[in-house]
Every structure is written in C-alpha cells, then in structure tokens.
Amino acid sequence: MNPSDRPVALITGASSGIGEAIAHNLAGQGYNLALCARRGDRLQTLAQKLQAQGAEVFTQAVDLRDESQILDFFATTQQRFNHLDVLINSAGLGHKEPLMTGSTEAWREMLDVNVLALCVCTREAIRLMKTEAYPQGNGRILHISSMSGHRVPTAVSGLYSATKFAVRSLTETLRRELRASNSAIRVTSISPGIVETEFAEKYHQSVEKAQDAYAQYPMLQAEDIANAVAYVLAQPDHIETHDILLRPTQQQS
C-alpha cells in the first residue's frame, strides 16, 4: 500500500499505556498516525518504532488543558495528512481528591482533560472527517473511558468518576447528533476496569501503592484495550458498537 493511501488515526495520550498500545496496534493494521501527549520525547521514541512498521507518523507535544495547542495540533495534522479516519480519545487522568476535601486545581485538571479536551478533539475530528466525497462526515470516534462511568467504585473517586459518567453521556449525545445530521460517523466508548498502566501510580502518588494494587490478581493490559479498539474498527458499516465494558475476571465491582 502506498503510504499516502493509508487510513489516518489520531490518538491523544499516546506516549504511554493504552494510547501507546493502540498506536502499535493500528500501525500494524496499516494506519498512518497523528500522536499527541505532553511528553514529546516519549512520542519521538515511539514514532521511530512505529515508522519501522511502515507507518507515517506525526507527533506533537500537546497539553490538552490548552485549547490553542489542541487546535494547532489538528491544523498541522490536516496539513500533513489532509483527512482523518479515526479519532482515539485516549488521554485521561485521575486524582484521588474527595469531594469534601479535594483540591480545586486537581478537580479542574480532570474536567479539562477528561471532558473538555475530549469534546474539543471530537469537534475538530468531525471537521476533518468531512470531505468532498462525504460532506456529512465518515469516520470513527472512540472514547477510552472507564467502568467508573458506570458505577462509583470508591468513596474517594469523587470527580474522576463524575468525568467518566460525563463521557458516557457525551457518547450517547454525539451518537444522536450524528444520526440527526445523517452522518456516517460512528462513535464508541470503551470502558475498562483496572488496567496495569501508569494510572495507579499517578492516582495514589505512590509506586508502592500502585504495585500493591496491580498485584492483587491478573489485571487488564494496555494491549487488551488496543484489541478492543481493533474489534470496533473491524465492524461493518451497519454496526455501531456503542459501549464495551471489560474488566479483569477477578475484579469484584
């Protein structure tokens, strides 16, 4: 396949964990990739590995709390590839900040990254998915959400869980907007349980607590989520996979 004929996927939060695993999976499936994350050095290292798989890769360090940086990234992606087929909203974060005593700054960061940035990226992706051949849009949008959007896991999950409930609502709202506009774009939310990534270390602010959490039983791996993404993208046009919930077999809730 000519590199310029490959489909194009844009992935946020691609420098590690789930986003990185999805990038590897899609590169292996023949996608060109536009990748963003805060850590530009990690993106460059990842790009070298993906280019070895034959993918054309564009990376840019982006702080998703800053809309101007998001808009610049999408504008450059358009200049580089001229279109977009798939958006993976993989970036997300959680802080252990209870509602009674939590930090406003931490709450705001979760809202900015998990909700507002997801909305901005989705809006800009839809714009790039509209082409002369498909004026109403044709493509796939996947939100990497959480089972915390389907139940409140702990008394201190606070605003993090609320952001994931928001993603669940936004997924259905977007589906209805797309149907009302007769668009061919499809939207999916993937809601994992506990995945062994850097998330727990950042959430607990402790390497030891993260190791203890992940040592309880076999956890989901980032590649498991990447495989779920691949499943969604493999479905024919008449199927819209709305939400996938997956958890470790031994996870209680």
C-alpha atoms as a PDB file:
ATOM      1  CA  MET A   1       0.000   0.000   0.000  1.00  0.00           C
ATOM      2  CA  ASN A   2       1.212   3.470  -0.856  1.00  0.00           C
ATOM      3  CA  PRO A   3       1.869   5.254   2.491  1.00  0.00           C
ATOM      4  CA  SER A   4      -0.303   8.175   1.381  1.00  0.00           C
ATOM      5  CA  ASP A   5      -3.241   5.804   0.775  1.00  0.00           C
ATOM      6  CA  ARG A   6      -3.286   4.508   4.333  1.00  0.00           C
ATOM      7  CA  PRO A   7      -6.152   5.473   6.640  1.00  0.00           C
ATOM      8  CA  VAL A   8      -5.225   8.054   9.279  1.00  0.00           C
ATOM      9  CA  ALA A   9      -5.819   7.730  13.014  1.00  0.00           C
ATOM     10  CA  LEU A  10      -5.264  10.461  15.588  1.00  0.00           C
ATOM     11  CA  ILE A  11      -4.539   9.331  19.155  1.00  0.00           C
ATOM     12  CA  THR A  12      -4.367  11.534  22.244  1.00  0.00           C
ATOM     13  CA  GLY A  13      -2.377  10.424  25.274  1.00  0.00           C
ATOM     14  CA  ALA A  14      -0.208   8.269  23.030  1.00  0.00           C
ATOM     15  CA  SER A  15       3.105   8.454  24.905  1.00  0.00           C
ATOM     16  CA  SER A  16       2.417   5.508  27.235  1.00  0.00           C
ATOM     17  CA  GLY A  17      -0.071   2.913  28.405  1.00  0.00           C
ATOM     18  CA  ILE A  18      -3.277   2.399  26.470  1.00  0.00           C
ATOM     19  CA  GLY A  19      -2.609   5.127  23.903  1.00  0.00           C
ATOM     20  CA  GLU A  20       0.810   3.706  23.075  1.00  0.00           C
ATOM     21  CA  ALA A  21      -0.573   0.174  22.746  1.00  0.00           C
ATOM     22  CA  ILE A  22      -3.316   1.392  20.398  1.00  0.00           C
ATOM     23  CA  ALA A  23      -0.712   3.190  18.276  1.00  0.00           C
ATOM     24  CA  HIS A  24       1.304  -0.026  17.869  1.00  0.00           C
ATOM     25  CA  ASN A  25      -1.837  -1.998  17.010  1.00  0.00           C
ATOM     26  CA  LEU A  26      -3.045   0.474  14.385  1.00  0.00           C
ATOM     27  CA  ALA A  27       0.392   0.849  12.818  1.00  0.00           C
ATOM     28  CA  GLY A  28       0.373  -2.917  12.367  1.00  0.00           C
ATOM     29  CA  GLN A  29      -3.027  -2.660  10.681  1.00  0.00           C
ATOM     30  CA  GLY A  30      -1.766  -0.182   8.094  1.00  0.00           C
ATOM     31  CA  TYR A  31      -2.697   3.176   9.604  1.00  0.00           C
ATOM     32  CA  ASN A  32      -0.760   6.412   9.427  1.00  0.00           C
ATOM     33  CA  LEU A  33      -0.773   8.123  12.799  1.00  0.00           C
ATOM     34  CA  ALA A  34      -1.002  11.572  14.354  1.00  0.00           C
ATOM     35  CA  LEU A  35       0.001  11.283  18.013  1.00  0.00           C
ATOM     36  CA  CYS A  36      -0.051  13.773  20.842  1.00  0.00           C
ATOM     37  CA  ALA A  37       0.781  13.774  24.543  1.00  0.00           C
ATOM     38  CA  ARG A  38       2.515  16.063  26.986  1.00  0.00           C
ATOM     39  CA  ARG A  39       5.805  14.150  26.815  1.00  0.00           C
ATOM     40  CA  GLY A  40       7.255  14.914  23.408  1.00  0.00           C
ATOM     41  CA  ASP A  41      10.441  12.924  23.989  1.00  0.00           C
ATOM     42  CA  ARG A  42       8.477   9.730  24.523  1.00  0.00           C
ATOM     43  CA  LEU A  43       6.426  10.416  21.402  1.00  0.00           C
ATOM     44  CA  GLN A  44       9.578  10.714  19.309  1.00  0.00           C
ATOM     45  CA  THR A  45      10.869   7.378  20.614  1.00  0.00           C
ATOM     46  CA  LEU A  46       7.506   5.771  19.869  1.00  0.00           C
ATOM     47  CA  ALA A  47       7.408   7.287  16.385  1.00  0.00           C
ATOM     48  CA  GLN A  48      10.708   5.637  15.483  1.00  0.00           C
ATOM     49  CA  LYS A  49       9.315   2.231  16.437  1.00  0.00           C
ATOM     50  CA  LEU A  50       6.087   2.786  14.509  1.00  0.00           C
ATOM     51  CA  GLN A  51       7.899   4.028  11.418  1.00  0.00           C
ATOM     52  CA  ALA A  52       9.787   0.743  11.419  1.00  0.00           C
ATOM     53  CA  GLN A  53       6.365  -0.909  10.953  1.00  0.00           C
ATOM     54  CA  GLY A  54       5.848   1.156   7.802  1.00  0.00           C
ATOM     55  CA  ALA A  55       3.577   3.824   9.266  1.00  0.00           C
ATOM     56  CA  GLU A  56       3.908   7.520   8.541  1.00  0.00           C
ATOM     57  CA  VAL A  57       3.859   9.157  11.955  1.00  0.00           C
ATOM     58  CA  PHE A  58       3.397  12.765  13.019  1.00  0.00           C
ATOM     59  CA  THR A  59       3.869  13.653  16.680  1.00  0.00           C
ATOM     60  CA  GLN A  60       3.371  16.837  18.659  1.00  0.00           C
ATOM     61  CA  ALA A  61       3.680  17.662  22.342  1.00  0.00           C
ATOM     62  CA  VAL A  62       0.275  18.966  23.435  1.00  0.00           C
ATOM     63  CA  ASP A  63      -1.118  19.998  26.796  1.00  0.00           C
ATOM     64  CA  LEU A  64      -4.796  19.154  26.397  1.00  0.00           C
ATOM     65  CA  ARG A  65      -5.733  21.740  29.023  1.00  0.00           C
ATOM     66  CA  ASP A  66      -4.845  24.400  26.446  1.00  0.00           C
ATOM     67  CA  GLU A  67      -7.358  24.599  23.582  1.00  0.00           C
ATOM     68  CA  SER A  68      -4.965  26.600  21.400  1.00  0.00           C
ATOM     69  CA  GLN A  69      -2.488  23.707  21.489  1.00  0.00           C
ATOM     70  CA  ILE A  70      -5.224  21.245  20.517  1.00  0.00           C
ATOM     71  CA  LEU A  71      -6.329  23.404  17.601  1.00  0.00           C
ATOM     72  CA  ASP A  72      -2.748  23.779  16.399  1.00  0.00           C
ATOM     73  CA  PHE A  73      -2.253  20.017  16.525  1.00  0.00           C
ATOM     74  CA  PHE A  74      -5.360  19.352  14.449  1.00  0.00           C
ATOM     75  CA  ALA A  75      -4.429  22.069  11.959  1.00  0.00           C
ATOM     76  CA  THR A  76      -0.982  20.545  11.496  1.00  0.00           C
ATOM     77  CA  THR A  77      -2.499  17.077  11.205  1.00  0.00           C
ATOM     78  CA  GLN A  78      -4.719  18.362   8.404  1.00  0.00           C
ATOM     79  CA  GLN A  79      -1.732  19.887   6.627  1.00  0.00           C
ATOM     80  CA  ARG A  80       0.198  16.631   6.989  1.00  0.00           C
ATOM     81  CA  PHE A  81      -2.484  14.094   6.022  1.00  0.00           C
ATOM     82  CA  ASN A  82      -5.346  16.160   4.559  1.00  0.00           C
ATOM     83  CA  HIS A  83      -8.001  13.964   6.180  1.00  0.00           C
ATOM     84  CA  LEU A  84      -8.807  11.878   9.250  1.00  0.00           C
ATOM     85  CA  ASP A  85     -10.470   8.478   9.505  1.00  0.00           C
ATOM     86  CA  VAL A  86     -10.267   7.619  13.201  1.00  0.00           C
ATOM     87  CA  LEU A  87     -10.043   9.598  16.434  1.00  0.00           C
ATOM     88  CA  ILE A  88      -8.996   7.815  19.621  1.00  0.00           C
ATOM     89  CA  ASN A  89      -9.623   9.973  22.691  1.00  0.00           C
ATOM     90  CA  SER A  90      -7.245   8.028  24.923  1.00  0.00           C
ATOM     91  CA  ALA A  91      -5.865  10.792  27.141  1.00  0.00           C
ATOM     92  CA  GLY A  92      -7.242  10.833  30.658  1.00  0.00           C
ATOM     93  CA  LEU A  93      -6.148  11.181  34.250  1.00  0.00           C
ATOM     94  CA  GLY A  94      -7.397  10.749  37.777  1.00  0.00           C
ATOM     95  CA  HIS A  95      -6.572  12.351  41.097  1.00  0.00           C
ATOM     96  CA  LYS A  96      -7.514  10.942  44.493  1.00  0.00           C
ATOM     97  CA  GLU A  97      -9.311  14.103  45.561  1.00  0.00           C
ATOM     98  CA  PRO A  98     -12.513  13.612  47.624  1.00  0.00           C
ATOM     99  CA  LEU A  99     -15.438  15.960  47.192  1.00  0.00           C
ATOM    100  CA  MET A 100     -15.318  17.065  50.848  1.00  0.00           C
ATOM    101  CA  THR A 101     -11.627  17.965  50.968  1.00  0.00           C
ATOM    102  CA  GLY A 102     -10.274  17.862  47.423  1.00  0.00           C
ATOM    103  CA  SER A 103      -8.158  20.385  45.567  1.00  0.00           C
ATOM    104  CA  THR A 104      -9.979  22.652  43.132  1.00  0.00           C
ATOM    105  CA  GLU A 105      -6.906  22.625  40.887  1.00  0.00           C
ATOM    106  CA  ALA A 106      -6.950  18.817  40.700  1.00  0.00           C
ATOM    107  CA  TRP A 107     -10.697  18.789  40.025  1.00  0.00           C
ATOM    108  CA  ARG A 108     -10.250  21.339  37.233  1.00  0.00           C
ATOM    109  CA  GLU A 109      -7.458  19.329  35.600  1.00  0.00           C
ATOM    110  CA  MET A 110      -9.647  16.207  35.479  1.00  0.00           C
ATOM    111  CA  LEU A 111     -12.512  18.169  33.946  1.00  0.00           C
ATOM    112  CA  ASP A 112     -10.235  19.913  31.453  1.00  0.00           C
ATOM    113  CA  VAL A 113      -8.527  16.732  30.223  1.00  0.00           C
ATOM    114  CA  ASN A 114     -11.197  14.047  30.635  1.00  0.00           C
ATOM    115  CA  VAL A 115     -14.196  16.076  29.457  1.00  0.00           C
ATOM    116  CA  LEU A 116     -13.460  19.412  27.783  1.00  0.00           C
ATOM    117  CA  ALA A 117     -10.428  18.251  25.787  1.00  0.00           C
ATOM    118  CA  LEU A 118     -12.356  15.178  24.661  1.00  0.00           C
ATOM    119  CA  CYS A 119     -15.135  17.465  23.395  1.00  0.00           C
ATOM    120  CA  VAL A 120     -12.730  19.803  21.592  1.00  0.00           C
ATOM    121  CA  CYS A 121     -10.854  16.914  19.962  1.00  0.00           C
ATOM    122  CA  THR A 122     -14.125  15.313  18.899  1.00  0.00           C
ATOM    123  CA  ARG A 123     -15.403  18.541  17.342  1.00  0.00           C
ATOM    124  CA  GLU A 124     -12.170  19.093  15.429  1.00  0.00           C
ATOM    125  CA  ALA A 125     -12.001  15.466  14.294  1.00  0.00           C
ATOM    126  CA  ILE A 126     -15.510  15.633  12.844  1.00  0.00           C
ATOM    127  CA  ARG A 127     -14.451  18.692  10.866  1.00  0.00           C
ATOM    128  CA  LEU A 128     -11.542  16.712   9.352  1.00  0.00           C
ATOM    129  CA  MET A 129     -13.771  13.707   8.651  1.00  0.00           C
ATOM    130  CA  LYS A 130     -15.972  15.808   6.378  1.00  0.00           C
ATOM    131  CA  THR A 131     -14.666  15.581   2.818  1.00  0.00           C
ATOM    132  CA  GLU A 132     -15.928  16.332  -0.667  1.00  0.00           C
ATOM    133  CA  ALA A 133     -16.926  12.679  -1.019  1.00  0.00           C
ATOM    134  CA  TYR A 134     -18.545  12.634   2.444  1.00  0.00           C
ATOM    135  CA  PRO A 135     -19.774  16.172   3.194  1.00  0.00           C
ATOM    136  CA  GLN A 136     -21.592  14.979   6.321  1.00  0.00           C
ATOM    137  CA  GLY A 137     -18.608  13.018   7.545  1.00  0.00           C
ATOM    138  CA  ASN A 138     -17.366   9.445   7.529  1.00  0.00           C
ATOM    139  CA  GLY A 139     -15.119   8.025  10.217  1.00  0.00           C
ATOM    140  CA  ARG A 140     -14.882   6.522  13.690  1.00  0.00           C
ATOM    141  CA  ILE A 141     -14.594   8.204  17.085  1.00  0.00           C
ATOM    142  CA  LEU A 142     -13.592   6.107  20.085  1.00  0.00           C
ATOM    143  CA  HIS A 143     -13.517   7.372  23.658  1.00  0.00           C
ATOM    144  CA  ILE A 144     -11.330   5.396  26.066  1.00  0.00           C
ATOM    145  CA  SER A 145     -13.469   5.808  29.150  1.00  0.00           C
ATOM    146  CA  SER A 146     -13.733   3.689  32.313  1.00  0.00           C
ATOM    147  CA  MET A 147     -16.060   1.433  34.223  1.00  0.00           C
ATOM    148  CA  SER A 148     -16.031   4.326  36.702  1.00  0.00           C
ATOM    149  CA  GLY A 149     -18.517   5.874  34.288  1.00  0.00           C
ATOM    150  CA  HIS A 150     -20.962   3.051  35.028  1.00  0.00           C
ATOM    151  CA  ARG A 151     -20.648   2.874  38.811  1.00  0.00           C
ATOM    152  CA  VAL A 152     -18.859   4.817  41.556  1.00  0.00           C
ATOM    153  CA  PRO A 153     -16.047   2.456  42.621  1.00  0.00           C
ATOM    154  CA  THR A 154     -14.961   4.067  45.910  1.00  0.00           C
ATOM    155  CA  ALA A 155     -15.966   6.840  48.268  1.00  0.00           C
ATOM    156  CA  VAL A 156     -12.931   8.892  47.241  1.00  0.00           C
ATOM    157  CA  SER A 157     -13.235   8.512  43.456  1.00  0.00           C
ATOM    158  CA  GLY A 158     -15.186  11.763  43.540  1.00  0.00           C
ATOM    159  CA  LEU A 159     -14.798  13.924  40.499  1.00  0.00           C
ATOM    160  CA  TYR A 160     -12.859  11.334  38.486  1.00  0.00           C
ATOM    161  CA  SER A 161     -15.916   9.089  38.343  1.00  0.00           C
ATOM    162  CA  ALA A 162     -18.084  12.098  37.500  1.00  0.00           C
ATOM    163  CA  THR A 163     -15.902  12.859  34.464  1.00  0.00           C
ATOM    164  CA  LYS A 164     -16.357   9.321  33.197  1.00  0.00           C
ATOM    165  CA  PHE A 165     -20.117   9.499  33.702  1.00  0.00           C
ATOM    166  CA  ALA A 166     -19.883  12.633  31.566  1.00  0.00           C
ATOM    167  CA  VAL A 167     -18.065  10.706  28.817  1.00  0.00           C
ATOM    168  CA  ARG A 168     -20.830   8.105  28.882  1.00  0.00           C
ATOM    169  CA  SER A 169     -23.433  10.839  28.401  1.00  0.00           C
ATOM    170  CA  LEU A 170     -21.384  12.597  25.719  1.00  0.00           C
ATOM    171  CA  THR A 171     -21.078   9.357  23.753  1.00  0.00           C
ATOM    172  CA  GLU A 172     -24.848   8.933  23.532  1.00  0.00           C
ATOM    173  CA  THR A 173     -25.429  12.630  22.876  1.00  0.00           C
ATOM    174  CA  LEU A 174     -22.935  12.603  19.998  1.00  0.00           C
ATOM    175  CA  ARG A 175     -24.494   9.449  18.572  1.00  0.00           C
ATOM    176  CA  ARG A 176     -27.855  11.200  18.470  1.00  0.00           C
ATOM    177  CA  GLU A 177     -26.394  14.355  16.928  1.00  0.00           C
ATOM    178  CA  LEU A 178     -24.693  12.301  14.220  1.00  0.00           C
ATOM    179  CA  ARG A 179     -27.899  10.402  13.453  1.00  0.00           C
ATOM    180  CA  ALA A 180     -29.901  13.622  13.329  1.00  0.00           C
ATOM    181  CA  SER A 181     -27.449  15.023  10.758  1.00  0.00           C
ATOM    182  CA  ASN A 182     -27.476  11.784   8.734  1.00  0.00           C
ATOM    183  CA  SER A 183     -23.728  11.421   9.218  1.00  0.00           C
ATOM    184  CA  ALA A 184     -21.895   8.151   8.597  1.00  0.00           C
ATOM    185  CA  ILE A 185     -19.535   8.839  11.529  1.00  0.00           C
ATOM    186  CA  ARG A 186     -19.874   6.271  14.312  1.00  0.00           C
ATOM    187  CA  VAL A 187     -18.968   6.741  17.985  1.00  0.00           C
ATOM    188  CA  THR A 188     -17.940   4.178  20.589  1.00  0.00           C
ATOM    189  CA  SER A 189     -16.966   4.268  24.238  1.00  0.00           C
ATOM    190  CA  ILE A 190     -14.639   1.598  25.632  1.00  0.00           C
ATOM    191  CA  SER A 191     -14.893   1.294  29.411  1.00  0.00           C
ATOM    192  CA  PRO A 192     -12.146  -0.804  31.028  1.00  0.00           C
ATOM    193  CA  GLY A 193     -11.858  -1.874  34.625  1.00  0.00           C
ATOM    194  CA  ILE A 194      -8.392  -1.901  36.186  1.00  0.00           C
ATOM    195  CA  VAL A 195      -5.621  -1.736  33.573  1.00  0.00           C
ATOM    196  CA  GLU A 196      -1.963  -2.118  34.533  1.00  0.00           C
ATOM    197  CA  THR A 197      -0.520   1.188  33.342  1.00  0.00           C
ATOM    198  CA  GLU A 198       0.967   4.282  34.990  1.00  0.00           C
ATOM    199  CA  PHE A 199      -2.507   5.359  36.105  1.00  0.00           C
ATOM    200  CA  ALA A 200      -2.434   3.875  39.629  1.00  0.00           C
ATOM    201  CA  GLU A 201       0.956   5.357  40.429  1.00  0.00           C
ATOM    202  CA  LYS A 202      -0.254   8.827  39.497  1.00  0.00           C
ATOM    203  CA  TYR A 203      -3.627   8.355  41.186  1.00  0.00           C
ATOM    204  CA  HIS A 204      -2.154   7.196  44.503  1.00  0.00           C
ATOM    205  CA  GLN A 205       1.038   9.278  44.159  1.00  0.00           C
ATOM    206  CA  SER A 206       2.934   6.173  45.218  1.00  0.00           C
ATOM    207  CA  VAL A 207       4.854   3.466  43.366  1.00  0.00           C
ATOM    208  CA  GLU A 208       4.340   1.060  46.255  1.00  0.00           C
ATOM    209  CA  LYS A 209       0.562   1.510  46.386  1.00  0.00           C
ATOM    210  CA  ALA A 210       0.359   1.051  42.622  1.00  0.00           C
ATOM    211  CA  GLN A 211       2.360  -2.164  42.813  1.00  0.00           C
ATOM    212  CA  ASP A 212       0.112  -3.436  45.602  1.00  0.00           C
ATOM    213  CA  ALA A 213      -2.996  -2.614  43.584  1.00  0.00           C
ATOM    214  CA  TYR A 214      -1.752  -4.404  40.486  1.00  0.00           C
ATOM    215  CA  ALA A 215      -0.511  -7.451  42.456  1.00  0.00           C
ATOM    216  CA  GLN A 216      -3.998  -8.447  43.650  1.00  0.00           C
ATOM    217  CA  TYR A 217      -4.810 -10.590  40.595  1.00  0.00           C
ATOM    218  CA  PRO A 218      -4.159 -10.639  36.824  1.00  0.00           C
ATOM    219  CA  MET A 219      -5.038  -7.178  35.558  1.00  0.00           C
ATOM    220  CA  LEU A 220      -6.063  -5.992  32.125  1.00  0.00           C
ATOM    221  CA  GLN A 221      -3.112  -4.954  29.987  1.00  0.00           C
ATOM    222  CA  ALA A 222      -2.968  -1.998  27.631  1.00  0.00           C
ATOM    223  CA  GLU A 223      -2.882  -4.431  24.715  1.00  0.00           C
ATOM    224  CA  ASP A 224      -6.283  -5.783  25.782  1.00  0.00           C
ATOM    225  CA  ILE A 225      -7.787  -2.345  25.247  1.00  0.00           C
ATOM    226  CA  ALA A 226      -5.976  -1.993  21.927  1.00  0.00           C
ATOM    227  CA  ASN A 227      -7.540  -5.290  20.854  1.00  0.00           C
ATOM    228  CA  ALA A 228     -10.975  -3.940  21.791  1.00  0.00           C
ATOM    229  CA  VAL A 229     -10.301  -0.898  19.603  1.00  0.00           C
ATOM    230  CA  ALA A 230      -9.307  -3.184  16.740  1.00  0.00           C
ATOM    231  CA  TYR A 231     -12.565  -5.128  17.182  1.00  0.00           C
ATOM    232  CA  VAL A 232     -14.634  -1.938  16.969  1.00  0.00           C
ATOM    233  CA  LEU A 233     -12.831  -0.722  13.864  1.00  0.00           C
ATOM    234  CA  ALA A 234     -13.312  -4.096  12.163  1.00  0.00           C
ATOM    235  CA  GLN A 235     -17.121  -3.927  12.354  1.00  0.00           C
ATOM    236  CA  PRO A 236     -19.026  -3.328   9.096  1.00  0.00           C
ATOM    237  CA  ASP A 237     -20.813  -0.077   8.343  1.00  0.00           C
ATOM    238  CA  HIS A 238     -24.218  -1.262   9.569  1.00  0.00           C
ATOM    239  CA  ILE A 239     -22.930  -1.925  13.109  1.00  0.00           C
ATOM    240  CA  GLU A 240     -22.321   0.785  15.692  1.00  0.00           C
ATOM    241  CA  THR A 241     -20.646  -0.661  18.784  1.00  0.00           C
ATOM    242  CA  HIS A 242     -21.867   1.764  21.423  1.00  0.00           C
ATOM    243  CA  ASP A 243     -20.012   0.745  24.579  1.00  0.00           C
ATOM    244  CA  ILE A 244     -17.665  -2.078  25.513  1.00  0.00           C
ATOM    245  CA  LEU A 245     -17.217  -2.881  29.206  1.00  0.00           C
ATOM    246  CA  LEU A 246     -14.303  -5.130  30.111  1.00  0.00           C
ATOM    247  CA  ARG A 247     -12.769  -5.939  33.475  1.00  0.00           C
ATOM    248  CA  PRO A 248     -10.262  -8.371  34.947  1.00  0.00           C
ATOM    249  CA  THR A 249     -12.049 -11.652  35.661  1.00  0.00           C
ATOM    250  CA  GLN A 250     -11.369 -11.378  39.396  1.00  0.00           C
ATOM    251  CA  GLN A 251     -12.348  -7.714  39.771  1.00  0.00           C
ATOM    252  CA  GLN A 252     -15.297  -7.543  42.152  1.00  0.00           C
ATOM    253  CA  SER A 253     -17.039  -4.345  41.040  1.00  0.00           C
END
